[in-house]
Amino acid sequence: MTLLDHLRRMARNNLWSNDRLYRAVLALQSGEFEARRTSFFPSIKETLNHILAVDRLYLDFLTDGGQGAAAYDDFVPFEDATSLAAAQADFDRRLVAFCDGLSEADLDRRVITDRRADGMIPERIGDILAHVFLHDIHHRGQVHAMLSGTSVPPPQLDEFLLDYDIKLRKDEVERLGL
């Protein structure tokens, strides 16, 4: 497997993991989505909005979208889980398409990242993608932990890559077109 193959699989895992997580979030009782909790961000709502805001920022960098830091600064948080879930799913599909359009050589190509006062920093596409996946996994783990204190049990999020686990994800992977 090449690094590009791995990153493409990670993009698909991102879509699948977010789908599983949002299915749990969408089943929460009234008030649980925005309830104050112990974590880096003080609610499931704020954590999931942060994930999407950062995702959009980095995709802007990766595609030379022209927004720069404003892609994060101007992000308007979603108030309800349904709209946020739809926006995240749309982003996840755009990220899969972006990764599918890359070549091995693209992974070493540098794009400019707008770091505000720290300047315009060139970064490798492969490094940015690895960072995005780590960032998302990190914060999904926080949401997973916060779900433990709700009416909805946290979903299993680590059964995507191994053949052994196919039976546990087959229906979802087919539904998502992965």
C-alpha atoms as a PDB file:
ATOM      1  CA  MET A   1       0.000   0.000   0.000  1.00  0.00           C
ATOM      2  CA  THR A   2       1.262   3.467  -0.846  1.00  0.00           C
ATOM      3  CA  LEU A   3       0.910   6.540   1.320  1.00  0.00           C
ATOM      4  CA  LEU A   4      -1.651   7.863  -1.164  1.00  0.00           C
ATOM      5  CA  ASP A   5      -3.697   4.663  -0.832  1.00  0.00           C
ATOM      6  CA  HIS A   6      -3.551   5.038   2.944  1.00  0.00           C
ATOM      7  CA  LEU A   7      -4.679   8.674   2.866  1.00  0.00           C
ATOM      8  CA  ARG A   8      -7.560   7.773   0.564  1.00  0.00           C
ATOM      9  CA  ARG A   9      -8.605   5.054   3.006  1.00  0.00           C
ATOM     10  CA  MET A  10      -8.350   7.529   5.868  1.00  0.00           C
ATOM     11  CA  ALA A  11     -10.626   9.954   4.005  1.00  0.00           C
ATOM     12  CA  ARG A  12     -13.168   7.152   3.672  1.00  0.00           C
ATOM     13  CA  ASN A  13     -12.704   6.238   7.332  1.00  0.00           C
ATOM     14  CA  ASN A  14     -13.349   9.875   8.204  1.00  0.00           C
ATOM     15  CA  LEU A  15     -16.671   9.776   6.328  1.00  0.00           C
ATOM     16  CA  TRP A  16     -17.635   6.457   7.930  1.00  0.00           C
ATOM     17  CA  SER A  17     -16.595   7.465  11.468  1.00  0.00           C
ATOM     18  CA  ASN A  18     -18.411  10.778  11.259  1.00  0.00           C
ATOM     19  CA  ASP A  19     -21.501   9.028   9.919  1.00  0.00           C
ATOM     20  CA  ARG A  20     -21.488   6.614  12.863  1.00  0.00           C
ATOM     21  CA  LEU A  21     -20.854   9.370  15.365  1.00  0.00           C
ATOM     22  CA  TYR A  22     -23.580  11.612  13.969  1.00  0.00           C
ATOM     23  CA  ARG A  23     -26.100   8.760  13.958  1.00  0.00           C
ATOM     24  CA  ALA A  24     -25.556   8.606  17.720  1.00  0.00           C
ATOM     25  CA  VAL A  25     -25.672  12.385  18.113  1.00  0.00           C
ATOM     26  CA  LEU A  26     -28.905  12.612  16.124  1.00  0.00           C
ATOM     27  CA  ALA A  27     -30.496  10.153  18.568  1.00  0.00           C
ATOM     28  CA  LEU A  28     -29.770  12.345  21.615  1.00  0.00           C
ATOM     29  CA  GLN A  29     -32.620  13.574  23.748  1.00  0.00           C
ATOM     30  CA  SER A  30     -33.552  17.243  23.705  1.00  0.00           C
ATOM     31  CA  GLY A  31     -30.869  19.373  25.379  1.00  0.00           C
ATOM     32  CA  GLU A  32     -28.107  16.757  25.345  1.00  0.00           C
ATOM     33  CA  PHE A  33     -26.417  18.077  22.164  1.00  0.00           C
ATOM     34  CA  GLU A  34     -25.726  21.480  23.681  1.00  0.00           C
ATOM     35  CA  ALA A  35     -25.441  20.472  27.351  1.00  0.00           C
ATOM     36  CA  ARG A  36     -22.305  21.581  29.174  1.00  0.00           C
ATOM     37  CA  ARG A  37     -19.797  18.740  29.571  1.00  0.00           C
ATOM     38  CA  THR A  38     -16.190  18.211  30.593  1.00  0.00           C
ATOM     39  CA  SER A  39     -13.867  18.280  27.595  1.00  0.00           C
ATOM     40  CA  PHE A  40     -11.633  20.658  25.653  1.00  0.00           C
ATOM     41  CA  PHE A  41     -14.781  22.232  24.186  1.00  0.00           C
ATOM     42  CA  PRO A  42     -17.621  22.327  26.698  1.00  0.00           C
ATOM     43  CA  SER A  43     -20.285  20.530  24.650  1.00  0.00           C
ATOM     44  CA  ILE A  44     -20.843  17.998  21.907  1.00  0.00           C
ATOM     45  CA  LYS A  45     -22.229  20.811  19.779  1.00  0.00           C
ATOM     46  CA  GLU A  46     -19.128  22.996  20.163  1.00  0.00           C
ATOM     47  CA  THR A  47     -16.735  20.102  19.565  1.00  0.00           C
ATOM     48  CA  LEU A  48     -18.461  18.983  16.382  1.00  0.00           C
ATOM     49  CA  ASN A  49     -18.633  22.558  15.085  1.00  0.00           C
ATOM     50  CA  HIS A  50     -14.905  22.910  15.761  1.00  0.00           C
ATOM     51  CA  ILE A  51     -14.136  19.758  13.759  1.00  0.00           C
ATOM     52  CA  LEU A  52     -16.027  21.072  10.748  1.00  0.00           C
ATOM     53  CA  ALA A  53     -14.540  24.582  11.016  1.00  0.00           C
ATOM     54  CA  VAL A  54     -10.994  23.181  11.018  1.00  0.00           C
ATOM     55  CA  ASP A  55     -11.824  20.730   8.228  1.00  0.00           C
ATOM     56  CA  ARG A  56     -13.035  23.599   6.046  1.00  0.00           C
ATOM     57  CA  LEU A  57      -9.951  25.668   6.861  1.00  0.00           C
ATOM     58  CA  TYR A  58      -7.552  22.948   5.786  1.00  0.00           C
ATOM     59  CA  LEU A  59      -9.499  22.062   2.647  1.00  0.00           C
ATOM     60  CA  ASP A  60      -9.294  25.727   1.682  1.00  0.00           C
ATOM     61  CA  PHE A  61      -5.512  25.539   2.115  1.00  0.00           C
ATOM     62  CA  LEU A  62      -5.311  22.281   0.162  1.00  0.00           C
ATOM     63  CA  THR A  63      -7.364  23.572  -2.765  1.00  0.00           C
ATOM     64  CA  ASP A  64      -5.976  27.119  -2.761  1.00  0.00           C
ATOM     65  CA  GLY A  65      -9.513  28.263  -2.102  1.00  0.00           C
ATOM     66  CA  GLY A  66      -8.439  31.808  -1.335  1.00  0.00           C
ATOM     67  CA  GLN A  67     -10.148  32.266   2.016  1.00  0.00           C
ATOM     68  CA  GLY A  68      -7.106  31.567   4.154  1.00  0.00           C
ATOM     69  CA  ALA A  69      -7.616  31.976   7.903  1.00  0.00           C
ATOM     70  CA  ALA A  70     -11.028  33.523   7.194  1.00  0.00           C
ATOM     71  CA  ALA A  71     -12.291  30.011   6.379  1.00  0.00           C
ATOM     72  CA  TYR A  72     -12.039  29.380  10.134  1.00  0.00           C
ATOM     73  CA  ASP A  73     -12.593  32.897  11.462  1.00  0.00           C
ATOM     74  CA  ASP A  74     -15.811  33.399   9.486  1.00  0.00           C
ATOM     75  CA  PHE A  75     -17.246  29.962  10.246  1.00  0.00           C
ATOM     76  CA  VAL A  76     -20.790  30.259  11.569  1.00  0.00           C
ATOM     77  CA  PRO A  77     -21.477  27.434  14.017  1.00  0.00           C
ATOM     78  CA  PHE A  78     -24.498  25.257  13.390  1.00  0.00           C
ATOM     79  CA  GLU A  79     -27.161  25.398  16.074  1.00  0.00           C
ATOM     80  CA  ASP A  80     -28.734  22.008  15.431  1.00  0.00           C
ATOM     81  CA  ALA A  81     -27.273  18.544  14.994  1.00  0.00           C
ATOM     82  CA  THR A  82     -29.203  17.755  11.806  1.00  0.00           C
ATOM     83  CA  SER A  83     -27.783  20.694   9.832  1.00  0.00           C
ATOM     84  CA  LEU A  84     -24.312  20.123  11.240  1.00  0.00           C
ATOM     85  CA  ALA A  85     -24.416  16.428  10.327  1.00  0.00           C
ATOM     86  CA  ALA A  86     -25.405  17.277   6.749  1.00  0.00           C
ATOM     87  CA  ALA A  87     -22.632  19.871   6.445  1.00  0.00           C
ATOM     88  CA  GLN A  88     -20.041  17.428   7.829  1.00  0.00           C
ATOM     89  CA  ALA A  89     -21.170  14.672   5.439  1.00  0.00           C
ATOM     90  CA  ASP A  90     -20.897  17.103   2.521  1.00  0.00           C
ATOM     91  CA  PHE A  91     -17.402  18.087   3.622  1.00  0.00           C
ATOM     92  CA  ASP A  92     -16.363  14.451   4.090  1.00  0.00           C
ATOM     93  CA  ARG A  93     -17.421  13.612   0.534  1.00  0.00           C
ATOM     94  CA  ARG A  94     -15.478  16.618  -0.779  1.00  0.00           C
ATOM     95  CA  LEU A  95     -12.397  15.414   1.117  1.00  0.00           C
ATOM     96  CA  VAL A  96     -12.743  11.902  -0.346  1.00  0.00           C
ATOM     97  CA  ALA A  97     -12.990  13.423  -3.834  1.00  0.00           C
ATOM     98  CA  PHE A  98      -9.966  15.626  -3.165  1.00  0.00           C
ATOM     99  CA  CYS A  99      -7.882  12.642  -2.031  1.00  0.00           C
ATOM    100  CA  ASP A 100      -9.068  10.570  -5.003  1.00  0.00           C
ATOM    101  CA  GLY A 101      -7.840  13.317  -7.330  1.00  0.00           C
ATOM    102  CA  LEU A 102      -4.306  13.369  -5.924  1.00  0.00           C
ATOM    103  CA  SER A 103      -1.232  11.716  -7.381  1.00  0.00           C
ATOM    104  CA  GLU A 104       1.706  10.387  -5.361  1.00  0.00           C
ATOM    105  CA  ALA A 105       3.722  13.435  -6.453  1.00  0.00           C
ATOM    106  CA  ASP A 106       1.043  15.766  -5.059  1.00  0.00           C
ATOM    107  CA  LEU A 107       1.701  14.542  -1.528  1.00  0.00           C
ATOM    108  CA  ASP A 108       5.076  16.329  -1.463  1.00  0.00           C
ATOM    109  CA  ARG A 109       3.742  19.459  -3.160  1.00  0.00           C
ATOM    110  CA  ARG A 110       3.550  22.429  -0.829  1.00  0.00           C
ATOM    111  CA  VAL A 111       0.537  24.680  -0.466  1.00  0.00           C
ATOM    112  CA  ILE A 112       0.348  27.918   1.452  1.00  0.00           C
ATOM    113  CA  THR A 113      -1.294  27.912   4.872  1.00  0.00           C
ATOM    114  CA  ASP A 114      -2.399  31.253   6.275  1.00  0.00           C
ATOM    115  CA  ARG A 115      -1.183  31.433   9.869  1.00  0.00           C
ATOM    116  CA  ARG A 116      -2.296  35.000  10.452  1.00  0.00           C
ATOM    117  CA  ALA A 117       0.448  36.882  12.342  1.00  0.00           C
ATOM    118  CA  ASP A 118       2.874  33.980  11.866  1.00  0.00           C
ATOM    119  CA  GLY A 119       2.681  34.426   8.105  1.00  0.00           C
ATOM    120  CA  MET A 120       2.012  32.292   5.073  1.00  0.00           C
ATOM    121  CA  ILE A 121       3.614  28.906   5.753  1.00  0.00           C
ATOM    122  CA  PRO A 122       4.136  26.371   2.952  1.00  0.00           C
ATOM    123  CA  GLU A 123       3.182  22.835   4.025  1.00  0.00           C
ATOM    124  CA  ARG A 124       3.193  19.469   2.223  1.00  0.00           C
ATOM    125  CA  ILE A 125      -0.209  18.186   1.148  1.00  0.00           C
ATOM    126  CA  GLY A 126       0.523  14.761   2.663  1.00  0.00           C
ATOM    127  CA  ASP A 127       1.380  16.346   6.000  1.00  0.00           C
ATOM    128  CA  ILE A 128      -1.757  18.491   6.013  1.00  0.00           C
ATOM    129  CA  LEU A 129      -3.950  15.472   5.290  1.00  0.00           C
ATOM    130  CA  ALA A 130      -2.288  13.454   8.062  1.00  0.00           C
ATOM    131  CA  HIS A 131      -2.871  16.387  10.421  1.00  0.00           C
ATOM    132  CA  VAL A 132      -6.540  16.697   9.438  1.00  0.00           C
ATOM    133  CA  PHE A 133      -7.162  13.006  10.093  1.00  0.00           C
ATOM    134  CA  LEU A 134      -5.369  13.126  13.463  1.00  0.00           C
ATOM    135  CA  HIS A 135      -7.238  16.282  14.449  1.00  0.00           C
ATOM    136  CA  ASP A 136     -10.590  14.741  13.579  1.00  0.00           C
ATOM    137  CA  ILE A 137      -9.823  11.471  15.378  1.00  0.00           C
ATOM    138  CA  HIS A 138      -8.711  13.414  18.455  1.00  0.00           C
ATOM    139  CA  HIS A 139     -11.902  15.451  18.705  1.00  0.00           C
ATOM    140  CA  ARG A 140     -14.209  12.581  17.696  1.00  0.00           C
ATOM    141  CA  GLY A 141     -12.714  10.759  20.678  1.00  0.00           C
ATOM    142  CA  GLN A 142     -13.783  13.645  22.897  1.00  0.00           C
ATOM    143  CA  VAL A 143     -17.331  13.487  21.528  1.00  0.00           C
ATOM    144  CA  HIS A 144     -17.259   9.714  22.005  1.00  0.00           C
ATOM    145  CA  ALA A 145     -16.365  10.221  25.676  1.00  0.00           C
ATOM    146  CA  MET A 146     -19.034  12.901  26.118  1.00  0.00           C
ATOM    147  CA  LEU A 147     -21.655  10.558  24.661  1.00  0.00           C
ATOM    148  CA  SER A 148     -20.939   8.219  27.567  1.00  0.00           C
ATOM    149  CA  GLY A 149     -22.753  10.721  29.780  1.00  0.00           C
ATOM    150  CA  THR A 150     -25.881  10.858  27.606  1.00  0.00           C
ATOM    151  CA  SER A 151     -28.886   8.695  26.831  1.00  0.00           C
ATOM    152  CA  VAL A 152     -27.107   7.317  23.729  1.00  0.00           C
ATOM    153  CA  PRO A 153     -24.169   4.914  24.002  1.00  0.00           C
ATOM    154  CA  PRO A 154     -21.066   5.932  22.034  1.00  0.00           C
ATOM    155  CA  PRO A 155     -20.622   4.012  18.769  1.00  0.00           C
ATOM    156  CA  GLN A 156     -17.679   1.811  17.880  1.00  0.00           C
ATOM    157  CA  LEU A 157     -15.347   3.881  15.690  1.00  0.00           C
ATOM    158  CA  ASP A 158     -12.353   1.618  15.130  1.00  0.00           C
ATOM    159  CA  GLU A 159     -13.572  -1.190  12.900  1.00  0.00           C
ATOM    160  CA  PHE A 160     -13.016   0.253   9.437  1.00  0.00           C
ATOM    161  CA  LEU A 161      -9.688  -0.953   8.084  1.00  0.00           C
ATOM    162  CA  LEU A 162      -9.363  -4.627   8.993  1.00  0.00           C
ATOM    163  CA  ASP A 163     -10.914  -7.413   6.932  1.00  0.00           C
ATOM    164  CA  TYR A 164     -11.929  -9.077  10.198  1.00  0.00           C
ATOM    165  CA  ASP A 165     -14.321  -6.205  10.878  1.00  0.00           C
ATOM    166  CA  ILE A 166     -16.053  -6.191   7.469  1.00  0.00           C
ATOM    167  CA  LYS A 167     -19.127  -7.897   8.904  1.00  0.00           C
ATOM    168  CA  LEU A 168     -19.455  -5.056  11.421  1.00  0.00           C
ATOM    169  CA  ARG A 169     -19.464  -2.264   8.847  1.00  0.00           C
ATOM    170  CA  LYS A 170     -20.664  -3.865   5.592  1.00  0.00           C
ATOM    171  CA  ASP A 171     -24.136  -2.304   5.522  1.00  0.00           C
ATOM    172  CA  GLU A 172     -22.840   1.166   6.410  1.00  0.00           C
ATOM    173  CA  VAL A 173     -20.017   1.042   3.872  1.00  0.00           C
ATOM    174  CA  GLU A 174     -22.460   0.008   1.162  1.00  0.00           C
ATOM    175  CA  ARG A 175     -24.965   2.718   2.185  1.00  0.00           C
ATOM    176  CA  LEU A 176     -22.201   5.348   2.066  1.00  0.00           C
ATOM    177  CA  GLY A 177     -20.886   4.083  -1.274  1.00  0.00           C
ATOM    178  CA  LEU A 178     -17.464   3.279   0.105  1.00  0.00           C
END
